[in-house]
Amino acid sequence: MLGLSLITNEPEQAKRIVETYGQYFDKIFITVADKTKQTFYDIEKMKLDKVQLSYFKWCDNFGKARAYNQEQIDTDYFVWIDSDDEIEHPEAIAGLVTTMKQNDLDAIYMLYKYIQNDIGEQIAPHWRERIIRTKSPLKWSQSRCHETLIAPTAKTIVTGK
């Protein structure tokens, strides 16, 4: 089974992601990270199919929020996404998961288009682990300022352009 992992405090973005990418995933694990539960209740009211919703009281620590979200995931593999991200060629994900299974991989790294300039050129692309085996040694760091998966013993490959 394949899951999609998202941390957000924006109901409309959560709905967009579920509607756009839901067909490619068995479950979507949304953790609402804010200081109140209002956003949680707003998303809960949407009754989005495939969504498993959890709440994390924001504590100014992205790593802890990501780790909490990862604890909710019960699929074999997952893809993480930020609420403003787009997945290019989501139809290819199932084939990449098959490659992971065949090669006993913990993660596949893909080019993450982080920042664009005013004319749409990538000015800060970097490689990130995007498909992760849930039972891998990869775990979110406890960093306050940036989320990073760490595991010195993980089996990974880099794919894409």
N, C-alpha and C. Protein backbone atom coordinates (compact mmCIF):
# COMPACT_ATOMS: atom_id res chain seq x y z
N MET A 1 0.84 -1.19 0.00
CA MET A 1 0.00 0.00 0.00
C MET A 1 0.88 1.25 0.00
N LEU A 2 0.35 2.30 -0.61
CA LEU A 2 1.10 3.54 -0.77
C LEU A 2 0.33 4.71 -0.14
N GLY A 3 1.02 5.48 0.68
CA GLY A 3 0.40 6.63 1.34
C GLY A 3 1.02 7.94 0.88
N LEU A 4 0.28 9.01 1.09
CA LEU A 4 0.76 10.37 0.85
C LEU A 4 0.74 11.09 2.18
N SER A 5 1.85 11.73 2.52
CA SER A 5 2.04 12.39 3.80
C SER A 5 2.02 13.90 3.62
N LEU A 6 1.21 14.59 4.44
CA LEU A 6 1.09 16.04 4.33
C LEU A 6 0.91 16.65 5.71
N ILE A 7 1.63 17.73 5.97
CA ILE A 7 1.41 18.55 7.16
C ILE A 7 0.93 19.90 6.65
N THR A 8 -0.17 20.38 7.21
CA THR A 8 -0.72 21.64 6.74
C THR A 8 -1.55 22.31 7.82
N ASN A 9 -1.83 23.56 7.61
CA ASN A 9 -2.84 24.27 8.39
C ASN A 9 -3.72 25.06 7.43
N GLU A 10 -3.82 24.58 6.18
CA GLU A 10 -4.59 25.23 5.14
C GLU A 10 -5.61 24.26 4.55
N PRO A 11 -6.88 24.35 4.95
CA PRO A 11 -7.89 23.40 4.48
C PRO A 11 -8.03 23.32 2.96
N GLU A 12 -8.00 24.46 2.29
CA GLU A 12 -8.19 24.45 0.84
C GLU A 12 -7.03 23.76 0.12
N GLN A 13 -5.81 23.94 0.63
CA GLN A 13 -4.67 23.25 0.04
C GLN A 13 -4.77 21.75 0.27
N ALA A 14 -5.22 21.35 1.45
CA ALA A 14 -5.41 19.92 1.72
C ALA A 14 -6.43 19.33 0.75
N LYS A 15 -7.53 20.03 0.56
CA LYS A 15 -8.56 19.55 -0.37
C LYS A 15 -8.01 19.45 -1.79
N ARG A 16 -7.24 20.45 -2.22
CA ARG A 16 -6.64 20.43 -3.57
C ARG A 16 -5.74 19.23 -3.75
N ILE A 17 -4.93 18.94 -2.76
CA ILE A 17 -4.00 17.81 -2.86
C ILE A 17 -4.76 16.49 -2.92
N VAL A 18 -5.78 16.34 -2.08
CA VAL A 18 -6.57 15.11 -2.10
C VAL A 18 -7.26 14.94 -3.45
N GLU A 19 -7.85 16.00 -3.96
CA GLU A 19 -8.55 15.92 -5.24
C GLU A 19 -7.60 15.68 -6.41
N THR A 20 -6.43 16.30 -6.37
CA THR A 20 -5.48 16.19 -7.48
C THR A 20 -4.73 14.87 -7.48
N TYR A 21 -4.32 14.40 -6.31
CA TYR A 21 -3.43 13.24 -6.24
C TYR A 21 -4.03 12.01 -5.57
N GLY A 22 -5.24 12.12 -5.05
CA GLY A 22 -5.84 11.01 -4.31
C GLY A 22 -5.91 9.70 -5.08
N GLN A 23 -6.13 9.77 -6.38
CA GLN A 23 -6.26 8.55 -7.18
C GLN A 23 -4.97 7.72 -7.23
N TYR A 24 -3.84 8.32 -6.90
CA TYR A 24 -2.56 7.62 -6.98
C TYR A 24 -2.13 6.99 -5.66
N PHE A 25 -2.91 7.18 -4.61
CA PHE A 25 -2.53 6.72 -3.27
C PHE A 25 -3.67 5.95 -2.61
N ASP A 26 -3.30 4.98 -1.79
CA ASP A 26 -4.29 4.20 -1.06
C ASP A 26 -4.83 4.98 0.14
N LYS A 27 -3.97 5.76 0.78
CA LYS A 27 -4.35 6.57 1.94
C LYS A 27 -3.60 7.88 1.90
N ILE A 28 -4.20 8.90 2.50
CA ILE A 28 -3.54 10.19 2.62
C ILE A 28 -3.52 10.56 4.10
N PHE A 29 -2.33 10.80 4.62
CA PHE A 29 -2.13 11.06 6.04
C PHE A 29 -1.89 12.56 6.23
N ILE A 30 -2.92 13.26 6.66
CA ILE A 30 -2.83 14.71 6.86
C ILE A 30 -2.71 14.99 8.34
N THR A 31 -1.65 15.68 8.71
CA THR A 31 -1.50 16.18 10.07
C THR A 31 -1.67 17.68 10.03
N VAL A 32 -2.63 18.16 10.79
CA VAL A 32 -2.84 19.59 10.93
C VAL A 32 -1.93 20.07 12.04
N ALA A 33 -1.09 21.04 11.72
CA ALA A 33 -0.12 21.56 12.69
C ALA A 33 -0.41 23.03 12.93
N ASP A 34 -1.18 23.30 13.96
CA ASP A 34 -1.44 24.69 14.33
C ASP A 34 -1.70 24.77 15.83
N LYS A 35 -1.88 25.96 16.31
CA LYS A 35 -2.03 26.16 17.76
C LYS A 35 -3.46 25.94 18.24
N THR A 36 -4.40 25.91 17.31
CA THR A 36 -5.80 25.65 17.68
C THR A 36 -6.25 24.43 16.88
N LYS A 37 -7.43 23.95 17.15
CA LYS A 37 -7.94 22.81 16.38
C LYS A 37 -8.90 23.25 15.28
N GLN A 38 -9.05 24.53 15.03
CA GLN A 38 -10.03 24.99 14.05
C GLN A 38 -9.76 24.42 12.66
N THR A 39 -8.52 24.47 12.21
CA THR A 39 -8.19 23.93 10.89
C THR A 39 -8.48 22.44 10.84
N PHE A 40 -8.16 21.73 11.89
CA PHE A 40 -8.47 20.30 11.98
C PHE A 40 -9.96 20.07 11.76
N TYR A 41 -10.79 20.84 12.46
CA TYR A 41 -12.25 20.69 12.32
C TYR A 41 -12.71 21.05 10.92
N ASP A 42 -12.10 22.08 10.32
CA ASP A 42 -12.47 22.48 8.96
C ASP A 42 -12.19 21.36 7.96
N ILE A 43 -11.05 20.70 8.08
CA ILE A 43 -10.72 19.60 7.17
C ILE A 43 -11.60 18.39 7.47
N GLU A 44 -11.84 18.12 8.73
CA GLU A 44 -12.68 16.99 9.12
C GLU A 44 -14.08 17.12 8.51
N LYS A 45 -14.61 18.33 8.44
CA LYS A 45 -15.94 18.57 7.88
C LYS A 45 -16.00 18.25 6.38
N MET A 46 -14.86 18.28 5.70
CA MET A 46 -14.83 18.03 4.26
C MET A 46 -15.13 16.58 3.92
N LYS A 47 -14.95 15.67 4.87
CA LYS A 47 -15.19 14.23 4.65
C LYS A 47 -14.46 13.75 3.40
N LEU A 48 -13.16 13.98 3.35
CA LEU A 48 -12.35 13.61 2.20
C LEU A 48 -12.05 12.11 2.21
N ASP A 49 -12.35 11.45 1.11
CA ASP A 49 -12.07 10.01 1.00
C ASP A 49 -10.58 9.73 1.16
N LYS A 50 -10.27 8.59 1.74
CA LYS A 50 -8.89 8.10 1.91
C LYS A 50 -8.08 8.85 2.95
N VAL A 51 -8.63 9.90 3.55
CA VAL A 51 -7.85 10.74 4.45
C VAL A 51 -7.89 10.22 5.88
N GLN A 52 -6.69 10.08 6.45
CA GLN A 52 -6.55 9.83 7.88
C GLN A 52 -6.02 11.13 8.48
N LEU A 53 -6.81 11.76 9.32
CA LEU A 53 -6.51 13.08 9.84
C LEU A 53 -5.98 12.99 11.26
N SER A 54 -4.92 13.75 11.54
CA SER A 54 -4.38 13.83 12.91
C SER A 54 -4.06 15.29 13.22
N TYR A 55 -3.88 15.56 14.51
CA TYR A 55 -3.64 16.93 14.96
C TYR A 55 -2.35 17.00 15.76
N PHE A 56 -1.52 17.99 15.44
CA PHE A 56 -0.27 18.23 16.15
C PHE A 56 -0.27 19.69 16.59
N LYS A 57 -0.25 19.92 17.88
CA LYS A 57 -0.22 21.30 18.37
C LYS A 57 1.15 21.90 18.04
N TRP A 58 1.13 22.97 17.26
CA TRP A 58 2.36 23.58 16.76
C TRP A 58 3.27 24.04 17.90
N CYS A 59 4.56 23.68 17.80
CA CYS A 59 5.54 24.03 18.83
C CYS A 59 6.81 24.63 18.21
N ASP A 60 6.68 25.22 17.02
CA ASP A 60 7.81 25.84 16.31
C ASP A 60 8.93 24.84 16.02
N ASN A 61 8.57 23.62 15.66
CA ASN A 61 9.57 22.60 15.35
C ASN A 61 9.05 21.71 14.21
N PHE A 62 9.54 22.00 12.99
CA PHE A 62 9.10 21.24 11.83
C PHE A 62 9.44 19.76 11.94
N GLY A 63 10.61 19.46 12.47
CA GLY A 63 11.03 18.06 12.60
C GLY A 63 10.09 17.25 13.47
N LYS A 64 9.66 17.82 14.57
CA LYS A 64 8.73 17.11 15.47
C LYS A 64 7.37 16.91 14.79
N ALA A 65 6.93 17.90 14.04
CA ALA A 65 5.66 17.76 13.33
C ALA A 65 5.75 16.66 12.27
N ARG A 66 6.85 16.63 11.53
CA ARG A 66 7.04 15.58 10.52
C ARG A 66 7.13 14.19 11.17
N ALA A 67 7.86 14.10 12.27
CA ALA A 67 7.99 12.82 12.97
C ALA A 67 6.62 12.33 13.45
N TYR A 68 5.82 13.24 13.97
CA TYR A 68 4.47 12.87 14.43
C TYR A 68 3.64 12.36 13.26
N ASN A 69 3.69 13.07 12.13
CA ASN A 69 2.95 12.64 10.95
C ASN A 69 3.40 11.24 10.51
N GLN A 70 4.72 11.00 10.52
CA GLN A 70 5.24 9.70 10.09
C GLN A 70 4.75 8.58 11.00
N GLU A 71 4.56 8.87 12.28
CA GLU A 71 4.03 7.85 13.20
C GLU A 71 2.62 7.41 12.83
N GLN A 72 1.88 8.25 12.12
CA GLN A 72 0.51 7.92 11.73
C GLN A 72 0.45 7.00 10.52
N ILE A 73 1.52 6.92 9.76
CA ILE A 73 1.52 6.21 8.48
C ILE A 73 1.56 4.70 8.70
N ASP A 74 0.58 4.00 8.09
CA ASP A 74 0.54 2.55 8.21
C ASP A 74 0.55 1.84 6.86
N THR A 75 0.91 2.56 5.81
CA THR A 75 1.07 1.93 4.50
C THR A 75 2.51 1.43 4.38
N ASP A 76 2.79 0.62 3.36
CA ASP A 76 4.14 0.07 3.17
C ASP A 76 5.14 1.14 2.73
N TYR A 77 4.68 2.07 1.93
CA TYR A 77 5.52 3.15 1.39
C TYR A 77 4.73 4.44 1.49
N PHE A 78 5.46 5.56 1.49
CA PHE A 78 4.77 6.85 1.46
C PHE A 78 5.59 7.87 0.69
N VAL A 79 4.87 8.86 0.19
CA VAL A 79 5.45 10.03 -0.48
C VAL A 79 5.08 11.22 0.40
N TRP A 80 6.03 12.12 0.63
CA TRP A 80 5.69 13.32 1.39
C TRP A 80 5.53 14.49 0.45
N ILE A 81 4.66 15.41 0.83
CA ILE A 81 4.39 16.58 0.01
C ILE A 81 4.12 17.76 0.95
N ASP A 82 4.53 18.93 0.54
CA ASP A 82 4.16 20.16 1.24
C ASP A 82 2.90 20.69 0.58
N SER A 83 2.14 21.51 1.28
CA SER A 83 0.85 21.95 0.77
C SER A 83 0.95 22.80 -0.50
N ASP A 84 2.10 23.39 -0.77
CA ASP A 84 2.25 24.18 -2.00
C ASP A 84 3.01 23.43 -3.09
N ASP A 85 3.27 22.13 -2.88
CA ASP A 85 4.01 21.33 -3.86
C ASP A 85 3.09 20.80 -4.96
N GLU A 86 3.70 20.47 -6.08
CA GLU A 86 3.05 19.75 -7.17
C GLU A 86 3.87 18.50 -7.43
N ILE A 87 3.21 17.41 -7.76
CA ILE A 87 3.91 16.16 -8.11
C ILE A 87 3.88 16.05 -9.63
N GLU A 88 5.06 16.05 -10.25
CA GLU A 88 5.14 15.86 -11.69
C GLU A 88 5.06 14.37 -11.99
N HIS A 89 4.22 13.99 -12.90
CA HIS A 89 4.04 12.60 -13.33
C HIS A 89 3.68 11.66 -12.18
N PRO A 90 2.60 11.96 -11.45
CA PRO A 90 2.22 11.08 -10.35
C PRO A 90 1.89 9.66 -10.79
N GLU A 91 1.54 9.50 -12.06
CA GLU A 91 1.24 8.16 -12.58
C GLU A 91 2.47 7.25 -12.58
N ALA A 92 3.67 7.81 -12.47
CA ALA A 92 4.90 7.02 -12.47
C ALA A 92 5.27 6.49 -11.08
N ILE A 93 4.59 6.96 -10.05
CA ILE A 93 4.96 6.58 -8.68
C ILE A 93 4.82 5.09 -8.44
N ALA A 94 3.74 4.48 -8.92
CA ALA A 94 3.52 3.04 -8.69
C ALA A 94 4.68 2.22 -9.27
N GLY A 95 5.18 2.59 -10.43
CA GLY A 95 6.31 1.88 -11.03
C GLY A 95 7.58 2.05 -10.22
N LEU A 96 7.77 3.24 -9.64
CA LEU A 96 8.94 3.47 -8.80
C LEU A 96 8.86 2.65 -7.51
N VAL A 97 7.66 2.50 -6.97
CA VAL A 97 7.49 1.66 -5.78
C VAL A 97 7.82 0.21 -6.12
N THR A 98 7.40 -0.24 -7.29
CA THR A 98 7.76 -1.60 -7.73
C THR A 98 9.27 -1.76 -7.80
N THR A 99 9.96 -0.77 -8.34
CA THR A 99 11.43 -0.79 -8.38
C THR A 99 12.01 -0.87 -6.98
N MET A 100 11.43 -0.13 -6.05
CA MET A 100 11.91 -0.17 -4.66
C MET A 100 11.77 -1.58 -4.08
N LYS A 101 10.61 -2.19 -4.32
CA LYS A 101 10.37 -3.55 -3.81
C LYS A 101 11.38 -4.54 -4.41
N GLN A 102 11.56 -4.46 -5.72
CA GLN A 102 12.45 -5.38 -6.41
C GLN A 102 13.90 -5.24 -5.97
N ASN A 103 14.29 -4.05 -5.57
CA ASN A 103 15.69 -3.78 -5.21
C ASN A 103 15.90 -3.56 -3.72
N ASP A 104 14.88 -3.84 -2.92
CA ASP A 104 14.96 -3.72 -1.46
C ASP A 104 15.47 -2.33 -1.05
N LEU A 105 14.86 -1.29 -1.62
CA LEU A 105 15.29 0.08 -1.34
C LEU A 105 14.44 0.72 -0.24
N ASP A 106 15.07 1.57 0.53
CA ASP A 106 14.38 2.32 1.58
C ASP A 106 13.82 3.64 1.07
N ALA A 107 14.44 4.21 0.04
CA ALA A 107 13.96 5.51 -0.46
C ALA A 107 14.42 5.73 -1.89
N ILE A 108 13.68 6.56 -2.56
CA ILE A 108 14.08 7.08 -3.87
C ILE A 108 14.15 8.60 -3.74
N TYR A 109 15.28 9.14 -4.15
CA TYR A 109 15.49 10.59 -4.15
C TYR A 109 15.09 11.13 -5.51
N MET A 110 14.41 12.27 -5.50
CA MET A 110 14.00 12.93 -6.73
C MET A 110 14.38 14.40 -6.64
N LEU A 111 14.46 15.03 -7.80
CA LEU A 111 14.78 16.45 -7.83
C LEU A 111 13.61 17.25 -7.27
N TYR A 112 13.88 18.02 -6.24
CA TYR A 112 12.87 18.84 -5.57
C TYR A 112 13.09 20.28 -6.02
N LYS A 113 12.11 20.81 -6.73
CA LYS A 113 12.22 22.17 -7.27
C LYS A 113 11.78 23.14 -6.19
N TYR A 114 12.72 23.61 -5.43
CA TYR A 114 12.45 24.35 -4.21
C TYR A 114 12.07 25.80 -4.44
N ILE A 115 12.86 26.53 -5.23
CA ILE A 115 12.61 27.96 -5.45
C ILE A 115 12.76 28.28 -6.93
N GLN A 116 11.83 29.12 -7.45
CA GLN A 116 11.91 29.59 -8.82
C GLN A 116 12.08 31.10 -8.82
N ASN A 117 12.71 31.61 -9.89
CA ASN A 117 12.80 33.07 -10.01
C ASN A 117 11.53 33.60 -10.68
N ASP A 118 11.49 34.89 -10.98
CA ASP A 118 10.29 35.52 -11.52
C ASP A 118 9.87 34.99 -12.88
N ILE A 119 10.79 34.37 -13.63
CA ILE A 119 10.43 33.86 -14.95
C ILE A 119 10.32 32.33 -14.95
N GLY A 120 10.25 31.74 -13.78
CA GLY A 120 9.99 30.31 -13.67
C GLY A 120 11.20 29.39 -13.73
N GLU A 121 12.40 29.95 -13.74
CA GLU A 121 13.61 29.12 -13.75
C GLU A 121 13.92 28.64 -12.34
N GLN A 122 14.36 27.40 -12.23
CA GLN A 122 14.73 26.85 -10.93
C GLN A 122 16.04 27.47 -10.47
N ILE A 123 16.02 28.04 -9.26
CA ILE A 123 17.25 28.63 -8.74
C ILE A 123 17.73 27.91 -7.48
N ALA A 124 16.93 26.97 -6.98
CA ALA A 124 17.35 26.22 -5.79
C ALA A 124 16.83 24.78 -5.83
N PRO A 125 17.09 24.05 -6.93
CA PRO A 125 16.67 22.65 -6.95
C PRO A 125 17.65 21.81 -6.11
N HIS A 126 17.15 20.77 -5.49
CA HIS A 126 18.03 19.86 -4.77
C HIS A 126 17.37 18.49 -4.67
N TRP A 127 18.16 17.48 -4.42
CA TRP A 127 17.68 16.11 -4.34
C TRP A 127 17.11 15.84 -2.96
N ARG A 128 15.92 15.25 -2.93
CA ARG A 128 15.26 14.92 -1.66
C ARG A 128 14.69 13.51 -1.74
N GLU A 129 14.62 12.87 -0.59
CA GLU A 129 13.97 11.58 -0.50
C GLU A 129 12.48 11.83 -0.61
N ARG A 130 11.83 11.26 -1.62
CA ARG A 130 10.42 11.56 -1.85
C ARG A 130 9.52 10.33 -1.70
N ILE A 131 10.04 9.14 -2.00
CA ILE A 131 9.27 7.92 -1.76
C ILE A 131 10.07 7.13 -0.73
N ILE A 132 9.41 6.78 0.37
CA ILE A 132 10.11 6.17 1.50
C ILE A 132 9.39 4.89 1.92
N ARG A 133 10.17 3.85 2.19
CA ARG A 133 9.59 2.64 2.78
C ARG A 133 9.30 2.98 4.24
N THR A 134 8.08 2.75 4.67
CA THR A 134 7.66 3.16 6.00
C THR A 134 8.48 2.50 7.09
N LYS A 135 8.87 1.26 6.90
CA LYS A 135 9.65 0.55 7.93
C LYS A 135 11.16 0.71 7.73
N SER A 136 11.57 1.70 6.98
CA SER A 136 12.99 1.96 6.76
C SER A 136 13.58 2.63 7.99
N PRO A 137 14.92 2.73 8.05
CA PRO A 137 15.53 3.46 9.15
C PRO A 137 15.45 4.98 9.00
N LEU A 138 14.89 5.46 7.88
CA LEU A 138 14.76 6.90 7.67
C LEU A 138 13.72 7.49 8.61
N LYS A 139 14.13 8.48 9.38
CA LYS A 139 13.25 9.17 10.32
C LYS A 139 13.51 10.67 10.21
N TRP A 140 12.47 11.46 10.44
CA TRP A 140 12.64 12.91 10.38
C TRP A 140 13.52 13.38 11.53
N SER A 141 14.43 14.28 11.23
CA SER A 141 15.29 14.85 12.27
C SER A 141 14.44 15.72 13.19
N GLN A 142 14.99 16.09 14.30
CA GLN A 142 14.28 16.94 15.24
C GLN A 142 14.64 18.41 15.07
N SER A 143 15.09 18.77 13.91
CA SER A 143 15.50 20.14 13.62
C SER A 143 14.32 21.10 13.68
N ARG A 144 14.54 22.24 14.30
CA ARG A 144 13.48 23.25 14.40
C ARG A 144 13.28 24.02 13.10
N CYS A 145 14.35 24.22 12.35
CA CYS A 145 14.25 25.13 11.21
C CYS A 145 14.07 24.43 9.87
N HIS A 146 14.38 23.14 9.78
CA HIS A 146 14.25 22.47 8.49
C HIS A 146 13.98 20.99 8.70
N GLU A 147 13.14 20.42 7.86
CA GLU A 147 12.84 19.01 7.97
C GLU A 147 13.79 18.20 7.08
N THR A 148 14.39 17.20 7.65
CA THR A 148 15.29 16.34 6.89
C THR A 148 15.15 14.91 7.41
N LEU A 149 15.05 13.97 6.49
CA LEU A 149 15.07 12.56 6.86
C LEU A 149 16.51 12.13 7.02
N ILE A 150 16.80 11.41 8.09
CA ILE A 150 18.16 10.95 8.33
C ILE A 150 18.18 9.45 8.61
N ALA A 151 19.20 8.78 8.12
CA ALA A 151 19.43 7.37 8.39
C ALA A 151 20.71 6.94 7.70
N PRO A 152 21.74 6.73 8.46
CA PRO A 152 23.02 6.37 7.84
C PRO A 152 23.02 5.00 7.18
N THR A 153 22.07 4.12 7.50
CA THR A 153 22.09 2.77 6.94
C THR A 153 21.02 2.52 5.89
N ALA A 154 20.31 3.54 5.44
CA ALA A 154 19.24 3.35 4.47
C ALA A 154 19.79 2.98 3.09
N LYS A 155 19.03 2.16 2.35
CA LYS A 155 19.37 1.81 0.98
C LYS A 155 18.54 2.69 0.05
N THR A 156 19.21 3.55 -0.72
CA THR A 156 18.51 4.53 -1.52
C THR A 156 19.07 4.62 -2.93
N ILE A 157 18.28 5.21 -3.85
CA ILE A 157 18.78 5.56 -5.18
C ILE A 157 18.25 6.95 -5.53
N VAL A 158 18.90 7.57 -6.51
CA VAL A 158 18.48 8.86 -7.02
C VAL A 158 17.92 8.62 -8.43
N THR A 159 16.77 9.22 -8.73
CA THR A 159 16.17 9.03 -10.03
C THR A 159 15.61 10.36 -10.54
N GLY A 160 15.49 10.48 -11.85
CA GLY A 160 14.90 11.68 -12.44
C GLY A 160 15.94 12.59 -13.04
N LYS A 161 15.46 13.72 -13.52
CA LYS A 161 16.34 14.70 -14.16
C LYS A 161 16.43 15.95 -13.35
